Amino acid sequence: MYRPSLLDLFCCAGGAARGYQRAGFYVVGVDIKHQRNYAGDEFYQADALEFLAEHYQKFDAIHASPPCQDFIPTIPEKHGTAHFLPDTRDFLLKTGKPWIIENIPGAPMRADFKLCGCMFQLPRLRRQRLFETSWHGFALLPPCHHPEHPISVTGHGVPSANYYRDNLRGVEYGILAKKAMGIDWMTRDELSQAIPPAYTEYLGGQLMNVLGANGRLSNANR
């Protein structure tokens, strides 16, 4: 069965990739660091934008998650990575491909979709993410509502305030975080950077509709 190909830029361990796979895509990940736990179909260790420039024509669609650290207000030191978001958008606009950019609230981007765990049967997960799309997507989604003790999986494996309030420790926190995210193959550091697969499974369905409307699914060759 044909699966449209999707290029997953700045992929980390592949939370986004797993969701796109569930939506029916063949996913190829690219990251500057080796990702031994990557969940997609193929992985390349390379500069994401250089790989995009050389190979974008081979793919039906593109997802990008540029580094977000410079947009986190609680991190005073900057990493010098803020330019990746506009640079990525500028190149994606030139490709003519359907694309999705993901980042955090506060990033300088259009929020066509603002997703959180409570919208996807992940009621304990508080993890808002913004998604800008090439087709200016829009959908009526249920309001965000969390139970009394939501879980925030943040900060390079550093537990959220809820970790201390709920008296969770070590392995217990890791198990709870994985369950909250719907991810079972990542380390805690990888979880802190991940997109819950439920988000991109939903967006992947939207992306499939865009590809079908543009007649691109008829050119199946994989």
C-alpha atoms as a PDB file:
ATOM      1  CA  MET A   1       0.000   0.000   0.000  1.00  0.00           C
ATOM      2  CA  TYR A   2       1.347   3.395  -0.986  1.00  0.00           C
ATOM      3  CA  ARG A   3       2.316   5.773   1.790  1.00  0.00           C
ATOM      4  CA  PRO A   4       3.047   9.405   0.907  1.00  0.00           C
ATOM      5  CA  SER A   5       6.533  10.457   2.010  1.00  0.00           C
ATOM      6  CA  LEU A   6       7.028  13.081   4.697  1.00  0.00           C
ATOM      7  CA  LEU A   7      10.306  14.781   5.599  1.00  0.00           C
ATOM      8  CA  ASP A   8      10.618  15.262   9.372  1.00  0.00           C
ATOM      9  CA  LEU A   9      13.122  18.072  10.066  1.00  0.00           C
ATOM     10  CA  PHE A  10      14.747  18.656  13.486  1.00  0.00           C
ATOM     11  CA  CYS A  11      13.194  15.294  14.308  1.00  0.00           C
ATOM     12  CA  CYS A  12      14.740  14.366  17.697  1.00  0.00           C
ATOM     13  CA  ALA A  13      13.442  10.927  18.766  1.00  0.00           C
ATOM     14  CA  GLY A  14      10.372  10.946  16.574  1.00  0.00           C
ATOM     15  CA  GLY A  15       7.265  11.788  18.574  1.00  0.00           C
ATOM     16  CA  ALA A  16       5.942  13.649  15.542  1.00  0.00           C
ATOM     17  CA  ALA A  17       7.085  10.853  13.230  1.00  0.00           C
ATOM     18  CA  ARG A  18       5.041   8.218  15.046  1.00  0.00           C
ATOM     19  CA  GLY A  19       1.879  10.294  14.682  1.00  0.00           C
ATOM     20  CA  TYR A  20       2.439  10.855  10.966  1.00  0.00           C
ATOM     21  CA  GLN A  21       3.049   7.125  10.528  1.00  0.00           C
ATOM     22  CA  ARG A  22      -0.299   6.410  12.144  1.00  0.00           C
ATOM     23  CA  ALA A  23      -1.878   8.856   9.702  1.00  0.00           C
ATOM     24  CA  GLY A  24      -0.407   6.853   6.801  1.00  0.00           C
ATOM     25  CA  PHE A  25       2.900   8.547   5.949  1.00  0.00           C
ATOM     26  CA  TYR A  26       6.360   7.097   5.261  1.00  0.00           C
ATOM     27  CA  VAL A  27       8.503   9.325   7.482  1.00  0.00           C
ATOM     28  CA  VAL A  28      12.159  10.254   6.973  1.00  0.00           C
ATOM     29  CA  GLY A  29      13.799  12.088   9.871  1.00  0.00           C
ATOM     30  CA  VAL A  30      16.738  14.492   9.862  1.00  0.00           C
ATOM     31  CA  ASP A  31      18.573  15.843  12.890  1.00  0.00           C
ATOM     32  CA  ILE A  32      22.020  17.318  13.495  1.00  0.00           C
ATOM     33  CA  LYS A  33      22.472  14.832  16.362  1.00  0.00           C
ATOM     34  CA  HIS A  34      22.339  11.065  16.074  1.00  0.00           C
ATOM     35  CA  GLN A  35      18.942   9.820  17.282  1.00  0.00           C
ATOM     36  CA  ARG A  36      19.271   6.162  18.198  1.00  0.00           C
ATOM     37  CA  ASN A  37      15.635   5.944  19.327  1.00  0.00           C
ATOM     38  CA  TYR A  38      14.132   7.613  16.260  1.00  0.00           C
ATOM     39  CA  ALA A  39      10.699   6.134  15.577  1.00  0.00           C
ATOM     40  CA  GLY A  40      10.349   6.986  11.875  1.00  0.00           C
ATOM     41  CA  ASP A  41      11.042   4.819   8.838  1.00  0.00           C
ATOM     42  CA  GLU A  42      14.472   6.276   7.961  1.00  0.00           C
ATOM     43  CA  PHE A  43      16.904   8.609   9.731  1.00  0.00           C
ATOM     44  CA  TYR A  44      19.725  10.838   8.461  1.00  0.00           C
ATOM     45  CA  GLN A  45      22.167  12.710  10.670  1.00  0.00           C
ATOM     46  CA  ALA A  46      22.625  16.010   8.873  1.00  0.00           C
ATOM     47  CA  ASP A  47      21.994  19.736   8.980  1.00  0.00           C
ATOM     48  CA  ALA A  48      18.218  19.972   8.579  1.00  0.00           C
ATOM     49  CA  LEU A  49      18.112  22.994   6.271  1.00  0.00           C
ATOM     50  CA  GLU A  50      20.959  21.742   4.085  1.00  0.00           C
ATOM     51  CA  PHE A  51      19.178  18.389   3.743  1.00  0.00           C
ATOM     52  CA  LEU A  52      15.938  20.206   2.922  1.00  0.00           C
ATOM     53  CA  ALA A  53      17.611  22.244   0.194  1.00  0.00           C
ATOM     54  CA  GLU A  54      19.105  19.161  -1.432  1.00  0.00           C
ATOM     55  CA  HIS A  55      16.280  16.637  -1.088  1.00  0.00           C
ATOM     56  CA  TYR A  56      12.896  18.401  -0.697  1.00  0.00           C
ATOM     57  CA  GLN A  57      11.728  17.419  -4.186  1.00  0.00           C
ATOM     58  CA  LYS A  58      11.733  13.740  -3.167  1.00  0.00           C
ATOM     59  CA  PHE A  59       8.984  14.238  -0.577  1.00  0.00           C
ATOM     60  CA  ASP A  60       5.239  14.772  -0.721  1.00  0.00           C
ATOM     61  CA  ALA A  61       5.082  16.891   2.451  1.00  0.00           C
ATOM     62  CA  ILE A  62       7.355  18.389   5.103  1.00  0.00           C
ATOM     63  CA  HIS A  63       7.195  18.818   8.876  1.00  0.00           C
ATOM     64  CA  ALA A  64       9.677  21.001  10.778  1.00  0.00           C
ATOM     65  CA  SER A  65      10.229  21.576  14.499  1.00  0.00           C
ATOM     66  CA  PRO A  66      12.959  24.244  14.685  1.00  0.00           C
ATOM     67  CA  PRO A  67      14.696  24.688  18.071  1.00  0.00           C
ATOM     68  CA  CYS A  68      12.456  26.416  20.608  1.00  0.00           C
ATOM     69  CA  GLN A  69      14.840  27.230  23.483  1.00  0.00           C
ATOM     70  CA  ASP A  70      15.214  30.916  22.597  1.00  0.00           C
ATOM     71  CA  PHE A  71      11.429  31.372  22.856  1.00  0.00           C
ATOM     72  CA  ILE A  72      11.147  30.014  26.424  1.00  0.00           C
ATOM     73  CA  PRO A  73      10.806  33.042  28.751  1.00  0.00           C
ATOM     74  CA  THR A  74      11.995  31.115  31.815  1.00  0.00           C
ATOM     75  CA  ILE A  75      15.378  30.410  30.200  1.00  0.00           C
ATOM     76  CA  PRO A  76      17.376  33.675  30.467  1.00  0.00           C
ATOM     77  CA  GLU A  77      20.385  32.531  28.456  1.00  0.00           C
ATOM     78  CA  LYS A  78      19.850  32.342  24.715  1.00  0.00           C
ATOM     79  CA  HIS A  79      21.176  29.607  22.463  1.00  0.00           C
ATOM     80  CA  GLY A  80      21.345  31.658  19.259  1.00  0.00           C
ATOM     81  CA  THR A  81      18.840  29.383  17.521  1.00  0.00           C
ATOM     82  CA  ALA A  82      15.890  31.759  17.061  1.00  0.00           C
ATOM     83  CA  HIS A  83      16.794  32.299  13.398  1.00  0.00           C
ATOM     84  CA  PHE A  84      15.973  28.694  12.535  1.00  0.00           C
ATOM     85  CA  LEU A  85      12.215  29.281  12.623  1.00  0.00           C
ATOM     86  CA  PRO A  86      12.055  32.139  10.066  1.00  0.00           C
ATOM     87  CA  ASP A  87      14.817  30.546   7.989  1.00  0.00           C
ATOM     88  CA  THR A  88      12.867  27.291   7.859  1.00  0.00           C
ATOM     89  CA  ARG A  89       9.613  29.026   6.956  1.00  0.00           C
ATOM     90  CA  ASP A  90      11.305  31.036   4.184  1.00  0.00           C
ATOM     91  CA  PHE A  91      12.649  27.882   2.563  1.00  0.00           C
ATOM     92  CA  LEU A  92       9.436  25.902   2.973  1.00  0.00           C
ATOM     93  CA  LEU A  93       7.514  28.665   1.211  1.00  0.00           C
ATOM     94  CA  LYS A  94       9.805  28.209  -1.791  1.00  0.00           C
ATOM     95  CA  THR A  95       9.353  24.437  -2.040  1.00  0.00           C
ATOM     96  CA  GLY A  96       5.754  24.445  -3.217  1.00  0.00           C
ATOM     97  CA  LYS A  97       5.128  21.454  -0.921  1.00  0.00           C
ATOM     98  CA  PRO A  98       2.482  21.217   1.811  1.00  0.00           C
ATOM     99  CA  TRP A  99       4.213  21.805   5.136  1.00  0.00           C
ATOM    100  CA  ILE A 100       3.722  22.143   8.884  1.00  0.00           C
ATOM    101  CA  ILE A 101       5.934  24.042  11.350  1.00  0.00           C
ATOM    102  CA  GLU A 102       5.693  23.276  15.083  1.00  0.00           C
ATOM    103  CA  ASN A 103       6.861  25.345  18.017  1.00  0.00           C
ATOM    104  CA  ILE A 104       5.899  26.554  21.473  1.00  0.00           C
ATOM    105  CA  PRO A 105       3.549  29.359  22.568  1.00  0.00           C
ATOM    106  CA  GLY A 106       5.477  32.604  22.362  1.00  0.00           C
ATOM    107  CA  ALA A 107       7.295  31.690  19.156  1.00  0.00           C
ATOM    108  CA  PRO A 108       6.897  34.227  16.311  1.00  0.00           C
ATOM    109  CA  MET A 109       4.542  32.196  14.149  1.00  0.00           C
ATOM    110  CA  ARG A 110       0.938  31.932  13.054  1.00  0.00           C
ATOM    111  CA  ALA A 111      -1.050  29.530  15.230  1.00  0.00           C
ATOM    112  CA  ASP A 112      -3.299  27.775  12.723  1.00  0.00           C
ATOM    113  CA  PHE A 113      -3.652  25.011  15.311  1.00  0.00           C
ATOM    114  CA  LYS A 114      -3.000  25.257  19.058  1.00  0.00           C
ATOM    115  CA  LEU A 115      -3.087  21.738  20.463  1.00  0.00           C
ATOM    116  CA  CYS A 116      -2.905  20.299  23.976  1.00  0.00           C
ATOM    117  CA  GLY A 117      -3.099  16.802  25.413  1.00  0.00           C
ATOM    118  CA  CYS A 118      -6.605  17.167  26.804  1.00  0.00           C
ATOM    119  CA  MET A 119      -7.926  17.402  23.224  1.00  0.00           C
ATOM    120  CA  PHE A 120      -6.643  13.906  22.358  1.00  0.00           C
ATOM    121  CA  GLN A 121      -7.578  11.578  25.211  1.00  0.00           C
ATOM    122  CA  LEU A 122      -4.376  12.543  27.026  1.00  0.00           C
ATOM    123  CA  PRO A 123      -6.213  14.348  29.841  1.00  0.00           C
ATOM    124  CA  ARG A 124      -3.277  14.615  32.247  1.00  0.00           C
ATOM    125  CA  LEU A 125      -0.891  16.104  29.695  1.00  0.00           C
ATOM    126  CA  ARG A 126      -0.465  19.872  29.738  1.00  0.00           C
ATOM    127  CA  ARG A 127       1.640  20.493  26.651  1.00  0.00           C
ATOM    128  CA  GLN A 128       0.477  23.270  24.353  1.00  0.00           C
ATOM    129  CA  ARG A 129       2.068  23.430  20.934  1.00  0.00           C
ATOM    130  CA  LEU A 130       1.514  25.750  17.976  1.00  0.00           C
ATOM    131  CA  PHE A 131       1.337  24.566  14.379  1.00  0.00           C
ATOM    132  CA  GLU A 132       1.584  26.802  11.320  1.00  0.00           C
ATOM    133  CA  THR A 133       0.529  25.220   8.035  1.00  0.00           C
ATOM    134  CA  SER A 134       1.046  25.994   4.375  1.00  0.00           C
ATOM    135  CA  TRP A 135      -2.727  25.831   3.812  1.00  0.00           C
ATOM    136  CA  HIS A 136      -3.687  28.132   6.734  1.00  0.00           C
ATOM    137  CA  GLY A 137      -5.550  25.276   8.389  1.00  0.00           C
ATOM    138  CA  PHE A 138      -8.451  25.716  10.766  1.00  0.00           C
ATOM    139  CA  ALA A 139     -10.618  23.379  12.814  1.00  0.00           C
ATOM    140  CA  LEU A 140     -13.069  23.631  15.684  1.00  0.00           C
ATOM    141  CA  LEU A 141     -11.474  21.678  18.519  1.00  0.00           C
ATOM    142  CA  PRO A 142     -12.811  20.957  22.007  1.00  0.00           C
ATOM    143  CA  PRO A 143     -11.806  23.428  24.726  1.00  0.00           C
ATOM    144  CA  CYS A 144      -8.778  22.596  26.823  1.00  0.00           C
ATOM    145  CA  HIS A 145      -9.702  21.161  30.222  1.00  0.00           C
ATOM    146  CA  HIS A 146      -7.346  19.396  32.621  1.00  0.00           C
ATOM    147  CA  PRO A 147      -7.995  17.430  35.800  1.00  0.00           C
ATOM    148  CA  GLU A 148      -6.713  18.687  39.125  1.00  0.00           C
ATOM    149  CA  HIS A 149      -3.143  17.431  38.668  1.00  0.00           C
ATOM    150  CA  PRO A 150      -1.998  17.766  35.033  1.00  0.00           C
ATOM    151  CA  ILE A 151       1.507  16.686  34.058  1.00  0.00           C
ATOM    152  CA  SER A 152       3.984  18.984  32.296  1.00  0.00           C
ATOM    153  CA  VAL A 153       6.886  17.130  30.685  1.00  0.00           C
ATOM    154  CA  THR A 154       9.429  19.919  30.322  1.00  0.00           C
ATOM    155  CA  GLY A 155      13.014  21.011  30.452  1.00  0.00           C
ATOM    156  CA  HIS A 156      15.532  18.387  29.367  1.00  0.00           C
ATOM    157  CA  GLY A 157      14.325  15.813  31.861  1.00  0.00           C
ATOM    158  CA  VAL A 158      13.825  18.291  34.718  1.00  0.00           C
ATOM    159  CA  PRO A 159      10.494  17.438  36.382  1.00  0.00           C
ATOM    160  CA  SER A 160       7.735  20.019  36.501  1.00  0.00           C
ATOM    161  CA  ALA A 161       6.434  21.524  39.726  1.00  0.00           C
ATOM    162  CA  ASN A 162       3.768  18.819  39.720  1.00  0.00           C
ATOM    163  CA  TYR A 163       6.513  16.235  40.197  1.00  0.00           C
ATOM    164  CA  TYR A 164       7.357  17.615  43.605  1.00  0.00           C
ATOM    165  CA  ARG A 165       3.772  18.366  44.584  1.00  0.00           C
ATOM    166  CA  ASP A 166       2.695  14.808  43.816  1.00  0.00           C
ATOM    167  CA  ASN A 167       5.779  13.314  45.545  1.00  0.00           C
ATOM    168  CA  LEU A 168       6.826  11.353  42.492  1.00  0.00           C
ATOM    169  CA  ARG A 169      10.384  10.082  42.273  1.00  0.00           C
ATOM    170  CA  GLY A 170      12.748   8.910  39.555  1.00  0.00           C
ATOM    171  CA  VAL A 171      11.358   5.935  37.694  1.00  0.00           C
ATOM    172  CA  GLU A 172       7.821   6.727  38.842  1.00  0.00           C
ATOM    173  CA  TYR A 173       7.966  10.121  37.150  1.00  0.00           C
ATOM    174  CA  GLY A 174       9.364   8.617  33.956  1.00  0.00           C
ATOM    175  CA  ILE A 175       6.546   6.078  33.764  1.00  0.00           C
ATOM    176  CA  LEU A 176       3.918   8.729  34.407  1.00  0.00           C
ATOM    177  CA  ALA A 177       5.448  11.103  31.848  1.00  0.00           C
ATOM    178  CA  LYS A 178       5.513   8.413  29.151  1.00  0.00           C
ATOM    179  CA  LYS A 179       1.893   7.523  29.806  1.00  0.00           C
ATOM    180  CA  ALA A 180       0.847  11.175  29.748  1.00  0.00           C
ATOM    181  CA  MET A 181       2.598  11.723  26.392  1.00  0.00           C
ATOM    182  CA  GLY A 182       1.464   8.487  24.765  1.00  0.00           C
ATOM    183  CA  ILE A 183       5.141   7.588  24.178  1.00  0.00           C
ATOM    184  CA  ASP A 184       6.909   4.458  25.423  1.00  0.00           C
ATOM    185  CA  TRP A 185      10.282   4.387  23.616  1.00  0.00           C
ATOM    186  CA  MET A 186      12.055   7.589  24.730  1.00  0.00           C
ATOM    187  CA  THR A 187      14.393   8.611  27.518  1.00  0.00           C
ATOM    188  CA  ARG A 188      13.318  11.436  29.823  1.00  0.00           C
ATOM    189  CA  ASP A 189      15.511  13.940  27.982  1.00  0.00           C
ATOM    190  CA  GLU A 190      13.943  12.866  24.688  1.00  0.00           C
ATOM    191  CA  LEU A 191      10.456  13.137  26.176  1.00  0.00           C
ATOM    192  CA  SER A 192      11.148  16.733  27.187  1.00  0.00           C
ATOM    193  CA  GLN A 193      11.635  17.633  23.505  1.00  0.00           C
ATOM    194  CA  ALA A 194       8.899  15.455  22.010  1.00  0.00           C
ATOM    195  CA  ILE A 195       5.626  16.161  20.276  1.00  0.00           C
ATOM    196  CA  PRO A 196       2.895  13.758  21.426  1.00  0.00           C
ATOM    197  CA  PRO A 197       2.089  11.441  18.488  1.00  0.00           C
ATOM    198  CA  ALA A 198      -1.629  12.141  18.923  1.00  0.00           C
ATOM    199  CA  TYR A 199      -1.044  15.730  17.753  1.00  0.00           C
ATOM    200  CA  THR A 200       0.592  14.799  14.461  1.00  0.00           C
ATOM    201  CA  GLU A 201      -1.734  11.874  13.848  1.00  0.00           C
ATOM    202  CA  TYR A 202      -4.529  14.446  13.839  1.00  0.00           C
ATOM    203  CA  LEU A 203      -2.570  16.917  11.697  1.00  0.00           C
ATOM    204  CA  GLY A 204      -1.457  14.091   9.407  1.00  0.00           C
ATOM    205  CA  GLY A 205      -5.097  13.440   8.583  1.00  0.00           C
ATOM    206  CA  GLN A 206      -5.469  17.108   7.643  1.00  0.00           C
ATOM    207  CA  LEU A 207      -2.317  16.865   5.556  1.00  0.00           C
ATOM    208  CA  MET A 208      -3.616  13.790   3.729  1.00  0.00           C
ATOM    209  CA  ASN A 209      -6.730  15.749   2.786  1.00  0.00           C
ATOM    210  CA  VAL A 210      -4.572  18.583   1.436  1.00  0.00           C
ATOM    211  CA  LEU A 211      -2.494  16.170  -0.650  1.00  0.00           C
ATOM    212  CA  GLY A 212      -5.632  14.496  -1.973  1.00  0.00           C
ATOM    213  CA  ALA A 213      -7.252  17.811  -2.862  1.00  0.00           C
ATOM    214  CA  ASN A 214      -4.125  18.802  -4.797  1.00  0.00           C
ATOM    215  CA  GLY A 215      -4.090  15.511  -6.703  1.00  0.00           C
ATOM    216  CA  ARG A 216      -0.674  14.576  -5.308  1.00  0.00           C
ATOM    217  CA  LEU A 217      -1.701  11.193  -3.954  1.00  0.00           C
ATOM    218  CA  SER A 218      -2.295   9.903  -7.482  1.00  0.00           C
ATOM    219  CA  ASN A 219       1.457   9.954  -8.225  1.00  0.00           C
ATOM    220  CA  ALA A 220       2.199   6.999  -5.964  1.00  0.00           C
ATOM    221  CA  ASN A 221       5.573   5.374  -6.438  1.00  0.00           C
ATOM    222  CA  ARG A 222       6.684   4.097  -3.016  1.00  0.00           C
END
